Amino acid sequence: MLAFENVTEKYNFFELFDGGVASYEANQVKPEEGIYKKLIDRYKINPEESIFIDDLQHNIEAANKLGFNTIHLTNPKDLREKLRRYDLNI
């Protein structure tokens, strides 16, 4: 079993997402631009209307270059508060 599949089965919060792009299927990794573009193309995402969340600053910088709103997540307990800054109903 792939590590990604193991993690998604172990943690149920992945059920909250509508989709995603895994590095192994894209043959690219963050912060390579192509993996972000694959996500944009697959789901017809407008980066300016989206929020990219990551714990690594270089991944945040790459997403910013493509126009994403971003949250640099250094403490998971802070995520809800950081999302509220975007006027989301959470």
PDB file of N, CA and C in Angstrom:
ATOM      1  N   MET A   1       0.849  -1.178   0.000  1.00  0.00           N
ATOM      2  CA  MET A   1       0.000   0.000   0.000  1.00  0.00           C
ATOM      3  C   MET A   1       0.894   1.242   0.000  1.00  0.00           C
ATOM      4  N   LEU A   2       0.523   2.192  -0.818  1.00  0.00           N
ATOM      5  CA  LEU A   2       1.255   3.444  -0.853  1.00  0.00           C
ATOM      6  C   LEU A   2       1.090   4.187   0.464  1.00  0.00           C
ATOM      7  N   ALA A   3       2.119   4.920   0.846  1.00  0.00           N
ATOM      8  CA  ALA A   3       2.070   5.680   2.096  1.00  0.00           C
ATOM      9  C   ALA A   3       0.886   6.645   2.103  1.00  0.00           C
ATOM     10  N   PHE A   4       0.630   7.285   0.966  1.00  0.00           N
ATOM     11  CA  PHE A   4      -0.473   8.236   0.883  1.00  0.00           C
ATOM     12  C   PHE A   4      -1.805   7.546   1.160  1.00  0.00           C
ATOM     13  N   GLU A   5      -2.015   6.386   0.577  1.00  0.00           N
ATOM     14  CA  GLU A   5      -3.257   5.645   0.807  1.00  0.00           C
ATOM     15  C   GLU A   5      -3.389   5.233   2.272  1.00  0.00           C
ATOM     16  N   ASN A   6      -2.288   4.855   2.876  1.00  0.00           N
ATOM     17  CA  ASN A   6      -2.294   4.480   4.279  1.00  0.00           C
ATOM     18  C   ASN A   6      -2.716   5.652   5.160  1.00  0.00           C
ATOM     19  N   VAL A   7      -2.173   6.823   4.885  1.00  0.00           N
ATOM     20  CA  VAL A   7      -2.504   8.015   5.671  1.00  0.00           C
ATOM     21  C   VAL A   7      -3.963   8.412   5.466  1.00  0.00           C
ATOM     22  N   THR A   8      -4.444   8.392   4.219  1.00  0.00           N
ATOM     23  CA  THR A   8      -5.828   8.809   3.967  1.00  0.00           C
ATOM     24  C   THR A   8      -6.839   7.837   4.582  1.00  0.00           C
ATOM     25  N   GLU A   9      -6.469   6.586   4.709  1.00  0.00           N
ATOM     26  CA  GLU A   9      -7.354   5.628   5.371  1.00  0.00           C
ATOM     27  C   GLU A   9      -7.312   5.786   6.889  1.00  0.00           C
ATOM     28  N   LYS A  10      -6.178   6.178   7.406  1.00  0.00           N
ATOM     29  CA  LYS A  10      -5.993   6.296   8.851  1.00  0.00           C
ATOM     30  C   LYS A  10      -6.681   7.537   9.431  1.00  0.00           C
ATOM     31  N   TYR A  11      -6.644   8.644   8.678  1.00  0.00           N
ATOM     32  CA  TYR A  11      -7.178   9.912   9.177  1.00  0.00           C
ATOM     33  C   TYR A  11      -8.419  10.304   8.390  1.00  0.00           C
ATOM     34  N   ASN A  12      -9.547  10.411   9.060  1.00  0.00           N
ATOM     35  CA  ASN A  12     -10.815  10.651   8.376  1.00  0.00           C
ATOM     36  C   ASN A  12     -11.008  12.089   7.903  1.00  0.00           C
ATOM     37  N   PHE A  13     -10.137  13.037   8.294  1.00  0.00           N
ATOM     38  CA  PHE A  13     -10.343  14.414   7.847  1.00  0.00           C
ATOM     39  C   PHE A  13     -10.175  14.568   6.341  1.00  0.00           C
ATOM     40  N   PHE A  14      -9.553  13.610   5.689  1.00  0.00           N
ATOM     41  CA  PHE A  14      -9.424  13.673   4.231  1.00  0.00           C
ATOM     42  C   PHE A  14     -10.782  13.592   3.539  1.00  0.00           C
ATOM     43  N   GLU A  15     -11.782  13.069   4.247  1.00  0.00           N
ATOM     44  CA  GLU A  15     -13.133  13.007   3.694  1.00  0.00           C
ATOM     45  C   GLU A  15     -13.733  14.396   3.502  1.00  0.00           C
ATOM     46  N   LEU A  16     -13.162  15.393   4.140  1.00  0.00           N
ATOM     47  CA  LEU A  16     -13.662  16.767   4.036  1.00  0.00           C
ATOM     48  C   LEU A  16     -13.243  17.442   2.730  1.00  0.00           C
ATOM     49  N   PHE A  17     -12.308  16.850   2.019  1.00  0.00           N
ATOM     50  CA  PHE A  17     -11.795  17.440   0.784  1.00  0.00           C
ATOM     51  C   PHE A  17     -12.516  16.877  -0.434  1.00  0.00           C
ATOM     52  N   ASP A  18     -12.674  17.717  -1.435  1.00  0.00           N
ATOM     53  CA  ASP A  18     -13.317  17.304  -2.683  1.00  0.00           C
ATOM     54  C   ASP A  18     -12.353  16.620  -3.633  1.00  0.00           C
ATOM     55  N   GLY A  19     -11.080  16.706  -3.378  1.00  0.00           N
ATOM     56  CA  GLY A  19     -10.093  16.092  -4.257  1.00  0.00           C
ATOM     57  C   GLY A  19      -8.706  16.525  -3.872  1.00  0.00           C
ATOM     58  N   GLY A  20      -7.758  16.208  -4.729  1.00  0.00           N
ATOM     59  CA  GLY A  20      -6.373  16.574  -4.470  1.00  0.00           C
ATOM     60  C   GLY A  20      -5.471  15.987  -5.533  1.00  0.00           C
ATOM     61  N   VAL A  21      -4.217  16.333  -5.439  1.00  0.00           N
ATOM     62  CA  VAL A  21      -3.205  15.795  -6.343  1.00  0.00           C
ATOM     63  C   VAL A  21      -2.073  15.264  -5.478  1.00  0.00           C
ATOM     64  N   ALA A  22      -1.807  13.984  -5.591  1.00  0.00           N
ATOM     65  CA  ALA A  22      -0.714  13.366  -4.843  1.00  0.00           C
ATOM     66  C   ALA A  22       0.550  13.374  -5.694  1.00  0.00           C
ATOM     67  N   SER A  23       1.668  13.591  -5.044  1.00  0.00           N
ATOM     68  CA  SER A  23       2.955  13.669  -5.748  1.00  0.00           C
ATOM     69  C   SER A  23       3.226  12.431  -6.596  1.00  0.00           C
ATOM     70  N   TYR A  24       2.908  11.270  -6.067  1.00  0.00           N
ATOM     71  CA  TYR A  24       3.208  10.041  -6.796  1.00  0.00           C
ATOM     72  C   TYR A  24       2.429   9.937  -8.103  1.00  0.00           C
ATOM     73  N   GLU A  25       1.227  10.494  -8.161  1.00  0.00           N
ATOM     74  CA  GLU A  25       0.450  10.408  -9.396  1.00  0.00           C
ATOM     75  C   GLU A  25       0.813  11.518 -10.374  1.00  0.00           C
ATOM     76  N   ALA A  26       1.323  12.632  -9.866  1.00  0.00           N
ATOM     77  CA  ALA A  26       1.692  13.760 -10.725  1.00  0.00           C
ATOM     78  C   ALA A  26       3.144  13.664 -11.186  1.00  0.00           C
ATOM     79  N   ASN A  27       3.891  12.761 -10.577  1.00  0.00           N
ATOM     80  CA  ASN A  27       5.327  12.630 -10.859  1.00  0.00           C
ATOM     81  C   ASN A  27       6.063  13.944 -10.644  1.00  0.00           C
ATOM     82  N   GLN A  28       5.577  14.733  -9.698  1.00  0.00           N
ATOM     83  CA  GLN A  28       6.198  15.990  -9.311  1.00  0.00           C
ATOM     84  C   GLN A  28       5.935  16.205  -7.835  1.00  0.00           C
ATOM     85  N   VAL A  29       6.725  17.058  -7.248  1.00  0.00           N
ATOM     86  CA  VAL A  29       6.539  17.379  -5.838  1.00  0.00           C
ATOM     87  C   VAL A  29       6.504  18.890  -5.661  1.00  0.00           C
ATOM     88  N   LYS A  30       5.881  19.320  -4.574  1.00  0.00           N
ATOM     89  CA  LYS A  30       5.915  20.731  -4.236  1.00  0.00           C
ATOM     90  C   LYS A  30       7.353  21.072  -3.872  1.00  0.00           C
ATOM     91  N   PRO A  31       7.878  22.162  -4.218  1.00  0.00           N
ATOM     92  CA  PRO A  31       7.267  23.343  -4.792  1.00  0.00           C
ATOM     93  C   PRO A  31       7.362  23.434  -6.319  1.00  0.00           C
ATOM     94  N   GLU A  32       7.500  22.291  -7.016  1.00  0.00           N
ATOM     95  CA  GLU A  32       7.532  22.342  -8.483  1.00  0.00           C
ATOM     96  C   GLU A  32       6.217  22.905  -9.006  1.00  0.00           C
ATOM     97  N   GLU A  33       6.311  23.839  -9.921  1.00  0.00           N
ATOM     98  CA  GLU A  33       5.136  24.545 -10.433  1.00  0.00           C
ATOM     99  C   GLU A  33       4.117  23.592 -11.061  1.00  0.00           C
ATOM    100  N   GLY A  34       4.590  22.545 -11.685  1.00  0.00           N
ATOM    101  CA  GLY A  34       3.702  21.631 -12.390  1.00  0.00           C
ATOM    102  C   GLY A  34       2.660  20.961 -11.521  1.00  0.00           C
ATOM    103  N   ILE A  35       2.978  20.664 -10.272  1.00  0.00           N
ATOM    104  CA  ILE A  35       2.003  20.000  -9.410  1.00  0.00           C
ATOM    105  C   ILE A  35       0.863  20.948  -9.049  1.00  0.00           C
ATOM    106  N   TYR A  36       1.178  22.227  -8.902  1.00  0.00           N
ATOM    107  CA  TYR A  36       0.133  23.220  -8.634  1.00  0.00           C
ATOM    108  C   TYR A  36      -0.749  23.395  -9.880  1.00  0.00           C
ATOM    109  N   LYS A  37      -0.107  23.415 -11.036  1.00  0.00           N
ATOM    110  CA  LYS A  37      -0.865  23.587 -12.285  1.00  0.00           C
ATOM    111  C   LYS A  37      -1.758  22.376 -12.544  1.00  0.00           C
ATOM    112  N   LYS A  38      -1.305  21.189 -12.165  1.00  0.00           N
ATOM    113  CA  LYS A  38      -2.134  19.997 -12.317  1.00  0.00           C
ATOM    114  C   LYS A  38      -3.394  20.123 -11.455  1.00  0.00           C
ATOM    115  N   LEU A  39      -3.238  20.624 -10.246  1.00  0.00           N
ATOM    116  CA  LEU A  39      -4.379  20.852  -9.363  1.00  0.00           C
ATOM    117  C   LEU A  39      -5.330  21.885  -9.962  1.00  0.00           C
ATOM    118  N   ILE A  40      -4.774  22.977 -10.458  1.00  0.00           N
ATOM    119  CA  ILE A  40      -5.587  24.043 -11.065  1.00  0.00           C
ATOM    120  C   ILE A  40      -6.363  23.506 -12.261  1.00  0.00           C
ATOM    121  N   ASP A  41      -5.688  22.773 -13.126  1.00  0.00           N
ATOM    122  CA  ASP A  41      -6.327  22.243 -14.330  1.00  0.00           C
ATOM    123  C   ASP A  41      -7.358  21.164 -14.009  1.00  0.00           C
ATOM    124  N   ARG A  42      -7.012  20.244 -13.125  1.00  0.00           N
ATOM    125  CA  ARG A  42      -7.911  19.123 -12.815  1.00  0.00           C
ATOM    126  C   ARG A  42      -9.236  19.601 -12.234  1.00  0.00           C
ATOM    127  N   TYR A  43      -9.178  20.600 -11.371  1.00  0.00           N
ATOM    128  CA  TYR A  43     -10.382  21.039 -10.670  1.00  0.00           C
ATOM    129  C   TYR A  43     -10.882  22.409 -11.114  1.00  0.00           C
ATOM    130  N   LYS A  44     -10.294  22.922 -12.198  1.00  0.00           N
ATOM    131  CA  LYS A  44     -10.715  24.228 -12.745  1.00  0.00           C
ATOM    132  C   LYS A  44     -10.709  25.291 -11.632  1.00  0.00           C
ATOM    133  N   ILE A  45      -9.608  25.328 -10.906  1.00  0.00           N
ATOM    134  CA  ILE A  45      -9.464  26.236  -9.770  1.00  0.00           C
ATOM    135  C   ILE A  45      -8.999  27.606 -10.234  1.00  0.00           C
ATOM    136  N   ASN A  46      -9.599  28.622  -9.671  1.00  0.00           N
ATOM    137  CA  ASN A  46      -9.102  29.985  -9.824  1.00  0.00           C
ATOM    138  C   ASN A  46      -8.271  30.256  -8.572  1.00  0.00           C
ATOM    139  N   PRO A  47      -6.938  30.306  -8.692  1.00  0.00           N
ATOM    140  CA  PRO A  47      -6.106  30.477  -7.503  1.00  0.00           C
ATOM    141  C   PRO A  47      -6.477  31.683  -6.647  1.00  0.00           C
ATOM    142  N   GLU A  48      -6.928  32.762  -7.293  1.00  0.00           N
ATOM    143  CA  GLU A  48      -7.281  33.964  -6.535  1.00  0.00           C
ATOM    144  C   GLU A  48      -8.504  33.747  -5.642  1.00  0.00           C
ATOM    145  N   GLU A  49      -9.276  32.699  -5.918  1.00  0.00           N
ATOM    146  CA  GLU A  49     -10.461  32.377  -5.126  1.00  0.00           C
ATOM    147  C   GLU A  49     -10.225  31.166  -4.220  1.00  0.00           C
ATOM    148  N   SER A  50      -8.964  30.795  -4.065  1.00  0.00           N
ATOM    149  CA  SER A  50      -8.618  29.582  -3.330  1.00  0.00           C
ATOM    150  C   SER A  50      -7.628  29.893  -2.219  1.00  0.00           C
ATOM    151  N   ILE A  51      -7.549  28.975  -1.271  1.00  0.00           N
ATOM    152  CA  ILE A  51      -6.588  29.095  -0.181  1.00  0.00           C
ATOM    153  C   ILE A  51      -5.723  27.841  -0.170  1.00  0.00           C
ATOM    154  N   PHE A  52      -4.435  28.043  -0.282  1.00  0.00           N
ATOM    155  CA  PHE A  52      -3.463  26.959  -0.229  1.00  0.00           C
ATOM    156  C   PHE A  52      -2.862  26.956   1.169  1.00  0.00           C
ATOM    157  N   ILE A  53      -2.900  25.799   1.828  1.00  0.00           N
ATOM    158  CA  ILE A  53      -2.397  25.663   3.197  1.00  0.00           C
ATOM    159  C   ILE A  53      -1.242  24.672   3.198  1.00  0.00           C
ATOM    160  N   ASP A  54      -0.140  25.067   3.811  1.00  0.00           N
ATOM    161  CA  ASP A  54       1.019  24.179   3.862  1.00  0.00           C
ATOM    162  C   ASP A  54       1.875  24.558   5.064  1.00  0.00           C
ATOM    163  N   ASP A  55       2.671  23.612   5.513  1.00  0.00           N
ATOM    164  CA  ASP A  55       3.540  23.878   6.656  1.00  0.00           C
ATOM    165  C   ASP A  55       4.942  24.318   6.247  1.00  0.00           C
ATOM    166  N   LEU A  56       5.261  24.266   4.966  1.00  0.00           N
ATOM    167  CA  LEU A  56       6.591  24.645   4.499  1.00  0.00           C
ATOM    168  C   LEU A  56       6.551  25.964   3.739  1.00  0.00           C
ATOM    169  N   GLN A  57       7.403  26.892   4.139  1.00  0.00           N
ATOM    170  CA  GLN A  57       7.409  28.220   3.552  1.00  0.00           C
ATOM    171  C   GLN A  57       7.689  28.201   2.055  1.00  0.00           C
ATOM    172  N   HIS A  58       8.597  27.337   1.584  1.00  0.00           N
ATOM    173  CA  HIS A  58       8.903  27.334   0.145  1.00  0.00           C
ATOM    174  C   HIS A  58       7.713  26.855  -0.684  1.00  0.00           C
ATOM    175  N   ASN A  59       6.854  26.013  -0.128  1.00  0.00           N
ATOM    176  CA  ASN A  59       5.632  25.618  -0.836  1.00  0.00           C
ATOM    177  C   ASN A  59       4.631  26.765  -0.871  1.00  0.00           C
ATOM    178  N   ILE A  60       4.563  27.518   0.201  1.00  0.00           N
ATOM    179  CA  ILE A  60       3.703  28.702   0.261  1.00  0.00           C
ATOM    180  C   ILE A  60       4.145  29.720  -0.785  1.00  0.00           C
ATOM    181  N   GLU A  61       5.441  29.959  -0.876  1.00  0.00           N
ATOM    182  CA  GLU A  61       5.972  30.924  -1.848  1.00  0.00           C
ATOM    183  C   GLU A  61       5.645  30.507  -3.279  1.00  0.00           C
ATOM    184  N   ALA A  62       5.747  29.216  -3.577  1.00  0.00           N
ATOM    185  CA  ALA A  62       5.425  28.729  -4.924  1.00  0.00           C
ATOM    186  C   ALA A  62       3.942  28.938  -5.232  1.00  0.00           C
ATOM    187  N   ALA A  63       3.074  28.670  -4.269  1.00  0.00           N
ATOM    188  CA  ALA A  63       1.633  28.868  -4.470  1.00  0.00           C
ATOM    189  C   ALA A  63       1.316  30.351  -4.639  1.00  0.00           C
ATOM    190  N   ASN A  64       1.980  31.204  -3.885  1.00  0.00           N
ATOM    191  CA  ASN A  64       1.783  32.654  -4.027  1.00  0.00           C
ATOM    192  C   ASN A  64       2.119  33.122  -5.436  1.00  0.00           C
ATOM    193  N   LYS A  65       3.172  32.576  -6.006  1.00  0.00           N
ATOM    194  CA  LYS A  65       3.587  32.970  -7.364  1.00  0.00           C
ATOM    195  C   LYS A  65       2.506  32.664  -8.392  1.00  0.00           C
ATOM    196  N   LEU A  66       1.678  31.667  -8.109  1.00  0.00           N
ATOM    197  CA  LEU A  66       0.596  31.291  -9.020  1.00  0.00           C
ATOM    198  C   LEU A  66      -0.713  31.988  -8.669  1.00  0.00           C
ATOM    199  N   GLY A  67      -0.688  32.852  -7.665  1.00  0.00           N
ATOM    200  CA  GLY A  67      -1.862  33.644  -7.335  1.00  0.00           C
ATOM    201  C   GLY A  67      -2.736  33.125  -6.220  1.00  0.00           C
ATOM    202  N   PHE A  68      -2.345  32.035  -5.577  1.00  0.00           N
ATOM    203  CA  PHE A  68      -3.143  31.497  -4.479  1.00  0.00           C
ATOM    204  C   PHE A  68      -3.068  32.399  -3.251  1.00  0.00           C
ATOM    205  N   ASN A  69      -4.167  32.489  -2.520  1.00  0.00           N
ATOM    206  CA  ASN A  69      -4.134  32.975  -1.153  1.00  0.00           C
ATOM    207  C   ASN A  69      -3.493  31.840  -0.366  1.00  0.00           C
ATOM    208  N   THR A  70      -2.742  32.157   0.661  1.00  0.00           N
ATOM    209  CA  THR A  70      -2.023  31.091   1.356  1.00  0.00           C
ATOM    210  C   THR A  70      -2.095  31.249   2.867  1.00  0.00           C
ATOM    211  N   ILE A  71      -1.939  30.115   3.517  1.00  0.00           N
ATOM    212  CA  ILE A  71      -1.783  30.070   4.969  1.00  0.00           C
ATOM    213  C   ILE A  71      -0.567  29.201   5.254  1.00  0.00           C
ATOM    214  N   HIS A  72       0.415  29.811   5.887  1.00  0.00           N
ATOM    215  CA  HIS A  72       1.578  29.047   6.343  1.00  0.00           C
ATOM    216  C   HIS A  72       1.216  28.473   7.702  1.00  0.00           C
ATOM    217  N   LEU A  73       0.976  27.188   7.737  1.00  0.00           N
ATOM    218  CA  LEU A  73       0.471  26.526   8.929  1.00  0.00           C
ATOM    219  C   LEU A  73       1.633  26.029   9.785  1.00  0.00           C
ATOM    220  N   THR A  74       1.929  26.755  10.838  1.00  0.00           N
ATOM    221  CA  THR A  74       3.005  26.360  11.738  1.00  0.00           C
ATOM    222  C   THR A  74       2.463  25.657  12.978  1.00  0.00           C
ATOM    223  N   ASN A  75       1.178  25.875  13.265  1.00  0.00           N
ATOM    224  CA  ASN A  75       0.532  25.224  14.396  1.00  0.00           C
ATOM    225  C   ASN A  75      -0.908  24.890  13.989  1.00  0.00           C
ATOM    226  N   PRO A  76      -1.235  23.608  13.882  1.00  0.00           N
ATOM    227  CA  PRO A  76      -2.582  23.228  13.450  1.00  0.00           C
ATOM    228  C   PRO A  76      -3.700  23.837  14.288  1.00  0.00           C
ATOM    229  N   LYS A  77      -3.435  24.129  15.531  1.00  0.00           N
ATOM    230  CA  LYS A  77      -4.454  24.728  16.399  1.00  0.00           C
ATOM    231  C   LYS A  77      -4.829  26.131  15.941  1.00  0.00           C
ATOM    232  N   ASP A  78      -3.983  26.760  15.131  1.00  0.00           N
ATOM    233  CA  ASP A  78      -4.235  28.116  14.649  1.00  0.00           C
ATOM    234  C   ASP A  78      -5.012  28.164  13.334  1.00  0.00           C
ATOM    235  N   LEU A  79      -5.247  27.013  12.715  1.00  0.00           N
ATOM    236  CA  LEU A  79      -5.841  27.008  11.379  1.00  0.00           C
ATOM    237  C   LEU A  79      -7.214  27.664  11.343  1.00  0.00           C
ATOM    238  N   ARG A  80      -8.075  27.325  12.259  1.00  0.00           N
ATOM    239  CA  ARG A  80      -9.431  27.887  12.253  1.00  0.00           C
ATOM    240  C   ARG A  80      -9.371  29.415  12.293  1.00  0.00           C
ATOM    241  N   GLU A  81      -8.541  29.965  13.157  1.00  0.00           N
ATOM    242  CA  GLU A  81      -8.417  31.422  13.267  1.00  0.00           C
ATOM    243  C   GLU A  81      -7.868  32.028  11.978  1.00  0.00           C
ATOM    244  N   LYS A  82      -6.891  31.378  11.378  1.00  0.00           N
ATOM    245  CA  LYS A  82      -6.320  31.893  10.129  1.00  0.00           C
ATOM    246  C   LYS A  82      -7.339  31.835   8.991  1.00  0.00           C
ATOM    247  N   LEU A  83      -8.176  30.804   8.975  1.00  0.00           N
ATOM    248  CA  LEU A  83      -9.219  30.714   7.958  1.00  0.00           C
ATOM    249  C   LEU A  83     -10.287  31.793   8.156  1.00  0.00           C
ATOM    250  N   ARG A  84     -10.560  32.151   9.393  1.00  0.00           N
ATOM    251  CA  ARG A  84     -11.558  33.185   9.675  1.00  0.00           C
ATOM    252  C   ARG A  84     -11.164  34.527   9.052  1.00  0.00           C
ATOM    253  N   ARG A  85      -9.906  34.752   8.862  1.00  0.00           N
ATOM    254  CA  ARG A  85      -9.439  35.995   8.231  1.00  0.00           C
ATOM    255  C   ARG A  85      -9.928  36.114   6.794  1.00  0.00           C
ATOM    256  N   TYR A  86     -10.374  35.002   6.239  1.00  0.00           N
ATOM    257  CA  TYR A  86     -10.901  34.977   4.869  1.00  0.00           C
ATOM    258  C   TYR A  86     -12.417  35.033   4.855  1.00  0.00           C
ATOM    259  N   ASP A  87     -13.027  35.342   5.968  1.00  0.00           N
ATOM    260  CA  ASP A  87     -14.502  35.450   6.075  1.00  0.00           C
ATOM    261  C   ASP A  87     -15.207  34.179   5.619  1.00  0.00           C
ATOM    262  N   LEU A  88     -14.730  33.044   6.086  1.00  0.00           N
ATOM    263  CA  LEU A  88     -15.353  31.768   5.765  1.00  0.00           C
ATOM    264  C   LEU A  88     -16.308  31.380   6.888  1.00  0.00           C
ATOM    265  N   ASN A  89     -17.343  30.658   6.555  1.00  0.00           N
ATOM    266  CA  ASN A  89     -18.262  30.130   7.558  1.00  0.00           C
ATOM    267  C   ASN A  89     -17.738  28.795   8.049  1.00  0.00           C
ATOM    268  N   ILE A  90     -16.945  28.823   9.106  1.00  0.00           N
ATOM    269  CA  ILE A  90     -16.413  27.575   9.655  1.00  0.00           C
ATOM    270  C   ILE A  90     -16.652  27.518  11.141  1.00  0.00           C
TER     271      ILE A  90
END
